[in-house]
Protein backbone atom coordinates (compact mmCIF):
# COMPACT_ATOMS: atom_id res chain seq x y z
CA MET A 1 15.56 -8.95 3.13
CA PRO A 2 16.59 -11.80 5.06
CA THR A 3 15.61 -11.39 8.79
CA GLN A 4 16.61 -13.23 11.95
CA ALA A 5 15.59 -16.55 13.05
CA PRO A 6 13.36 -16.74 16.15
CA GLN A 7 15.48 -17.31 19.21
CA MET A 8 15.14 -20.86 19.95
CA PRO A 9 15.55 -22.72 23.83
CA ASP A 10 19.38 -24.19 24.06
CA ASP A 11 17.96 -27.82 23.87
CA SER A 12 15.66 -27.38 20.93
CA SER A 13 18.18 -28.47 18.42
CA THR A 14 15.54 -29.37 16.28
CA LEU A 15 14.07 -26.17 15.95
CA ARG A 16 17.44 -24.34 15.61
CA ALA A 17 18.13 -26.53 12.68
CA PHE A 18 14.35 -25.33 11.38
CA GLY A 19 15.22 -21.49 12.25
CA VAL A 20 18.30 -21.49 9.89
CA LEU A 21 16.44 -23.23 7.21
CA GLU A 22 13.81 -20.74 7.55
CA LEU A 23 16.66 -18.08 7.15
CA VAL A 24 17.80 -19.86 3.88
CA ALA A 25 13.95 -20.27 2.84
CA ARG A 26 13.20 -16.18 3.54
CA ALA A 27 16.14 -14.82 2.26
CA ASP A 28 16.37 -13.02 -1.21
CA GLY A 29 19.22 -15.11 -2.72
CA PRO A 30 21.73 -17.48 -1.38
CA LEU A 31 23.47 -16.56 2.17
CA SER A 32 27.04 -17.47 3.46
CA LEU A 33 28.10 -18.92 6.33
CA ASP A 34 28.95 -15.77 7.93
CA GLU A 35 25.70 -14.08 6.92
CA LEU A 36 23.51 -17.04 8.86
CA THR A 37 25.76 -16.74 11.47
CA GLN A 38 25.17 -12.99 11.72
CA LEU A 39 21.41 -13.39 11.66
CA CYS A 40 20.19 -16.66 13.76
CA GLY A 41 22.50 -15.62 16.62
CA LEU A 42 24.19 -19.18 16.82
CA PRO A 43 27.75 -20.22 17.40
CA LYS A 44 29.51 -20.24 13.89
CA PRO A 45 30.37 -24.23 14.11
CA SER A 46 26.68 -25.00 15.62
CA VAL A 47 25.62 -23.27 11.84
CA TYR A 48 27.71 -24.90 9.92
CA ARG A 49 26.70 -28.50 11.46
CA ILE A 50 23.20 -27.75 11.33
CA LEU A 51 23.82 -26.96 7.71
CA GLY A 52 25.73 -29.71 6.82
CA LEU A 53 23.00 -32.26 8.38
CA LEU A 54 20.33 -30.26 6.21
CA GLN A 55 22.81 -30.50 3.04
CA ARG A 56 22.76 -34.10 3.12
CA GLY A 57 19.00 -34.08 4.02
CA GLY A 58 18.78 -32.57 0.62
CA LEU A 59 16.95 -29.40 2.27
CA VAL A 60 19.41 -26.91 1.54
CA GLN A 61 22.24 -27.12 -0.94
CA ARG A 62 25.43 -25.09 -1.32
CA GLU A 63 26.77 -23.13 -4.47
CA PRO A 64 30.15 -24.81 -5.38
CA ALA A 65 31.75 -22.02 -6.93
CA ALA A 66 30.04 -19.26 -4.30
CA LYS A 67 29.81 -21.45 -0.93
CA ARG A 68 26.48 -19.90 -0.47
CA TYR A 69 23.40 -22.08 0.81
CA CYS A 70 19.74 -21.63 -0.73
CA ILE A 71 16.70 -24.24 -1.05
CA GLY A 72 17.75 -27.42 -2.03
CA ALA A 73 15.64 -29.87 -4.37
CA ARG A 74 14.16 -31.79 -1.67
CA MET A 75 12.58 -28.41 0.56
CA SER A 76 11.27 -27.10 -3.12
CA ARG A 77 9.60 -30.35 -3.65
CA LEU A 78 7.92 -30.45 -0.17
CA ALA A 79 7.06 -26.60 0.01
CA LEU A 80 5.25 -27.27 -3.48
CA GLU A 81 3.42 -30.47 -1.57
CA VAL A 82 1.94 -28.13 1.01
CA MET A 83 0.73 -26.07 -1.50
CA MET A 84 -1.11 -28.15 -3.53
CA ARG A 85 -2.45 -29.41 0.05
CA SER A 86 -2.86 -26.97 1.96
CA PRO A 87 -5.52 -26.81 4.28
CA GLN A 88 -6.03 -23.31 2.26
CA ARG A 89 -6.60 -25.02 -0.71
CA ALA A 90 -10.65 -25.12 -0.60
CA ARG A 91 -10.89 -21.21 -0.02
CA ARG A 92 -8.40 -20.96 -3.10
CA HIS A 93 -10.51 -22.75 -5.58
CA ALA A 94 -13.40 -20.93 -3.56
CA ILE A 95 -11.94 -17.25 -4.85
CA LEU A 96 -11.20 -18.91 -8.56
CA GLN A 97 -14.68 -20.13 -8.81
CA GLN A 98 -16.26 -16.87 -7.74
CA LEU A 99 -14.00 -15.63 -10.33
CA VAL A 100 -14.55 -17.65 -12.93
CA ALA A 101 -18.57 -17.10 -12.34
CA GLU A 102 -18.01 -12.98 -12.35
CA ILE A 103 -16.17 -13.00 -16.11
CA GLY A 104 -16.97 -16.45 -17.45
CA GLU A 105 -13.91 -17.78 -18.57
CA THR A 106 -11.13 -20.53 -16.91
CA CYS A 107 -8.65 -19.20 -14.63
CA ASN A 108 -5.98 -20.53 -11.79
CA LEU A 109 -3.43 -20.12 -9.89
CA THR A 110 0.30 -20.59 -10.77
CA MET A 111 3.69 -20.71 -9.26
CA LEU A 112 7.48 -20.76 -10.10
CA ASP A 113 8.31 -23.95 -9.66
CA GLY A 114 12.43 -24.14 -11.02
CA ASN A 115 12.25 -23.49 -14.54
CA GLU A 116 8.45 -24.31 -14.99
CA VAL A 117 5.14 -22.50 -14.04
CA LEU A 118 3.18 -25.24 -12.33
CA TYR A 119 -0.75 -25.09 -12.24
CA LEU A 120 -1.74 -25.17 -8.27
CA ASP A 121 -5.46 -24.96 -8.94
CA ARG A 122 -7.48 -24.18 -12.06
CA VAL A 123 -11.45 -23.53 -12.81
CA GLU A 124 -12.93 -24.27 -15.90
CA THR A 125 -15.31 -22.25 -17.66
CA SER A 126 -18.69 -23.62 -18.28
CA SER A 127 -18.15 -22.96 -22.30
CA PRO A 128 -17.61 -26.00 -24.09
CA VAL A 129 -14.83 -24.31 -25.78
CA ARG A 130 -12.05 -24.16 -23.95
CA VAL A 131 -8.41 -24.55 -23.14
CA HIS A 132 -7.77 -27.83 -21.00
CA LEU A 133 -4.85 -27.87 -18.56
CA ALA A 134 -5.67 -29.57 -15.22
CA ALA A 135 -4.18 -28.34 -11.79
CA GLY A 136 -0.96 -29.58 -11.66
CA SER A 137 0.35 -29.30 -15.28
CA ARG A 138 3.53 -27.28 -16.49
CA VAL A 139 4.06 -24.97 -18.98
CA PRO A 140 7.45 -23.11 -19.71
CA LEU A 141 8.65 -19.64 -18.27
CA HIS A 142 9.42 -17.68 -21.98
CA CYS A 143 5.64 -18.13 -23.79
CA THR A 144 3.06 -18.08 -21.15
CA ALA A 145 1.53 -15.16 -18.87
CA SER A 146 2.22 -16.22 -15.75
CA GLY A 147 5.60 -17.44 -16.52
CA LYS A 148 6.67 -13.96 -18.26
CA LEU A 149 5.19 -12.23 -15.29
CA PHE A 150 7.93 -14.53 -13.00
CA LEU A 151 11.03 -13.85 -14.95
CA SER A 152 9.84 -10.09 -15.06
CA GLN A 153 10.69 -9.69 -11.20
CA LEU A 154 14.14 -11.37 -11.77
CA SER A 155 17.43 -10.05 -12.95
CA ASP A 156 18.36 -10.26 -15.90
CA SER A 157 21.57 -13.13 -14.83
CA GLN A 158 18.79 -14.68 -13.03
CA ALA A 159 16.71 -15.07 -16.11
CA ALA A 160 19.18 -15.98 -18.00
CA THR A 161 20.10 -19.33 -15.73
CA LEU A 162 16.50 -20.52 -15.96
CA LEU A 163 15.87 -20.24 -19.53
CA GLY A 164 19.24 -21.20 -20.80
CA PRO A 165 21.39 -19.04 -23.33
CA GLY A 166 18.58 -18.98 -26.43
CA PRO A 167 17.10 -19.25 -28.80
CA TYR A 168 14.26 -20.60 -26.90
CA ARG A 169 11.81 -23.64 -27.78
CA ARG A 170 9.46 -22.26 -30.45
CA PHE A 171 5.62 -23.63 -29.42
CA THR A 172 3.58 -21.28 -32.22
CA GLU A 173 4.60 -18.62 -34.49
CA ASN A 174 4.17 -16.26 -32.08
CA THR A 175 6.35 -17.58 -29.44
CA ILE A 176 9.05 -15.27 -28.29
CA THR A 177 12.36 -17.46 -28.76
CA ASP A 178 15.35 -14.29 -28.82
CA PRO A 179 16.54 -13.52 -25.82
CA ALA A 180 16.98 -9.98 -26.08
CA GLU A 181 13.02 -9.75 -27.94
CA LEU A 182 12.01 -11.75 -24.67
CA GLN A 183 14.08 -8.80 -22.52
CA LYS A 184 12.35 -6.13 -24.10
CA ALA A 185 8.85 -8.17 -23.32
CA LEU A 186 9.80 -8.50 -19.85
CA ARG A 187 10.82 -4.87 -19.26
CA ARG A 188 6.96 -3.63 -20.60
CA ILE A 189 5.49 -6.52 -18.13
CA ARG A 190 7.46 -5.23 -15.18
CA SER A 191 6.19 -1.53 -16.02
CA GLU A 192 2.49 -2.51 -16.42
CA GLY A 193 2.24 -5.47 -13.63
CA MET A 194 0.62 -8.22 -15.85
CA GLY A 195 1.65 -10.88 -17.92
CA THR A 196 0.22 -11.23 -21.61
CA ASP A 197 0.21 -13.87 -23.93
CA VAL A 198 -1.48 -14.42 -27.33
CA GLY A 199 -0.92 -17.64 -28.95
CA GLU A 200 2.76 -17.28 -28.33
CA PHE A 201 2.29 -21.22 -26.03
CA LEU A 202 -1.05 -22.33 -27.60
CA GLU A 203 -2.21 -21.56 -31.12
CA GLY A 204 -5.33 -19.58 -30.75
CA SER A 205 -5.12 -18.93 -26.86
CA VAL A 206 -5.37 -15.90 -25.23
CA ALA A 207 -3.98 -15.26 -21.61
CA VAL A 208 -3.55 -12.49 -19.02
CA SER A 209 -1.82 -12.57 -15.40
CA VAL A 210 -1.66 -10.57 -12.49
CA PRO A 211 0.68 -11.20 -9.48
CA VAL A 212 -0.12 -11.97 -5.97
CA THR A 213 2.24 -10.58 -3.58
CA ASP A 214 3.73 -11.68 -0.33
CA ALA A 215 3.70 -8.65 2.85
CA GLN A 216 6.83 -7.54 1.58
CA GLY A 217 5.99 -6.89 -1.72
CA ARG A 218 7.10 -9.95 -3.57
CA VAL A 219 5.64 -11.84 -6.37
CA CYS A 220 4.55 -15.56 -4.98
CA ALA A 221 2.15 -16.41 -7.28
CA THR A 222 -0.36 -15.35 -10.49
CA VAL A 223 -3.78 -15.39 -10.85
CA ALA A 224 -4.62 -15.82 -14.59
CA VAL A 225 -7.38 -16.17 -17.06
CA HIS A 226 -7.44 -17.62 -20.55
CA GLY A 227 -9.14 -18.68 -22.92
CA PRO A 228 -9.82 -19.47 -26.81
CA ALA A 229 -9.92 -16.92 -30.16
CA PRO A 230 -11.79 -14.75 -30.87
CA ARG A 231 -13.84 -15.23 -28.16
CA VAL A 232 -11.48 -14.32 -25.79
CA THR A 233 -8.93 -11.21 -27.20
CA LEU A 234 -6.48 -9.41 -24.93
CA ARG A 235 -8.73 -6.28 -25.04
CA SER A 236 -11.49 -8.19 -23.82
CA CYS A 237 -8.94 -9.52 -20.60
CA MET A 238 -7.86 -6.04 -20.34
CA ALA A 239 -11.80 -6.03 -18.81
CA PHE A 240 -11.24 -8.81 -16.50
CA LEU A 241 -8.34 -6.88 -14.88
CA PRO A 242 -10.28 -5.28 -11.77
CA ALA A 243 -11.68 -8.78 -11.09
CA LEU A 244 -8.25 -10.52 -11.47
CA ARG A 245 -6.96 -7.84 -9.23
CA ARG A 246 -9.47 -8.73 -6.72
CA ALA A 247 -8.93 -12.34 -6.93
CA ALA A 248 -5.22 -11.44 -6.16
CA ALA A 249 -5.36 -9.54 -3.35
CA ALA A 250 -7.68 -12.29 -1.72
CA MET A 251 -5.23 -15.06 -2.41
CA ALA A 252 -2.76 -13.39 -0.74
CA GLY A 253 -4.42 -13.34 2.38
CA THR A 254 -4.83 -17.16 2.45
CA MET A 255 -0.58 -17.59 1.19
CA VAL A 256 0.28 -16.86 4.82
CA PRO A 257 -1.61 -17.67 7.69
CA GLN A 258 -0.97 -15.37 10.70
CA ALA A 259 0.08 -17.63 13.75
CA ALA A 260 -0.09 -16.52 17.43
CA ALA A 261 3.47 -15.79 18.37
CA GLU A 262 4.59 -19.37 20.84
CA PRO A 263 5.78 -19.16 24.22
CA GLY A 264 9.56 -18.29 24.74
CA VAL A 265 10.67 -17.43 20.67
CA LYS A 266 11.46 -14.07 19.90
CA ALA A 267 9.51 -12.26 16.95
CA PRO A 268 12.08 -12.00 13.84
CA VAL A 269 14.08 -8.84 13.75
CA ALA A 270 15.01 -7.60 10.53
CA LYS A 271 18.82 -7.06 10.31
CA LYS A 272 20.49 -4.45 8.21
CA SER A 273 23.76 -5.61 8.17
CA VAL A 274 23.12 -8.23 5.28
CA LYS A 275 21.76 -6.86 1.77
CA SER A 276 19.45 -8.59 -1.05
CA ARG A 277 21.45 -9.25 -3.46
CA THR A 278 18.70 -10.68 -6.25
CA ALA A 279 15.55 -10.03 -7.66
CA LYS A 280 14.90 -6.68 -8.57
CA PRO A 281 11.65 -5.04 -6.53
CA ALA A 282 8.22 -5.97 -7.40
CA PRO A 283 6.70 -2.98 -9.93
CA ALA A 284 4.85 -0.69 -7.84
CA ALA A 285 1.23 -2.17 -9.97
CA ALA A 286 2.18 -5.74 -8.27
CA LYS A 287 2.46 -4.80 -4.99
CA ARG A 288 -0.76 -2.76 -5.43
CA SER A 289 -2.22 -6.00 -6.22
CA SER A 290 -1.25 -8.10 -2.94
CA VAL A 291 0.83 -11.77 -3.06
CA ALA A 292 6.47 -18.71 -3.23
CA ALA A 293 7.61 -19.87 -3.16
CA ARG A 294 10.11 -21.74 -3.03
CA ALA A 295 9.12 -25.08 -2.05
């Protein structure tokens, strides 16, 4: 549910604009002008002017038919750059290093970026036989463990928007290409709170992913392990789940640093009048694991 924008000094036009941008970024779905006006407490003409400025700058975009506002392409790129180069990057890498040392297989941290999965970071196993995918790589949603986990958190209509009508691209004999079959797999993933991939994207590879959730229980990233068969099997990956979930919980602590309140700025207050209208709640299993961005 969106939260009220921080109350800014009257002469702080830049911060007022940033407050509106924050509301758009935090919302579970696109917001109307009236909803944003109610949430931020500014005059409607002022909110309209701010949205126009943000739209011209590529920071927000408006849906042509519904006339609702959501994050724009420029803001998405900026958010990803922040995540890739965050001061928390070293801490996240250390978490992955510790995880790989514990389970002995390659692990990575991913986020959803549009209709692809982005590898934010990756630590390789010391084994000479491995699956090579560097940080910054992008992989499909419908046939990867992390991608399917992200899709499982979306409504059917949202998933269809990202993936298109189908049939989906086939990468291997195991790739799910039928939309109905994929939805069935996503329901299972939603129930289990983990994503799996057994040779669906790359022949002879096996992967398992667990969610990194934010304070509201929404999945904002994943921690995943994968490696080559037959050294790695789906059954052997199940034994890694406790370690993966501990790493995901640690990652959650790096996603939203706790900042001290600024003088003269009130804490955001939840508003009950604007209802969330998008993604389904994260499963209980995902919420327990703790820990998108969009950017």
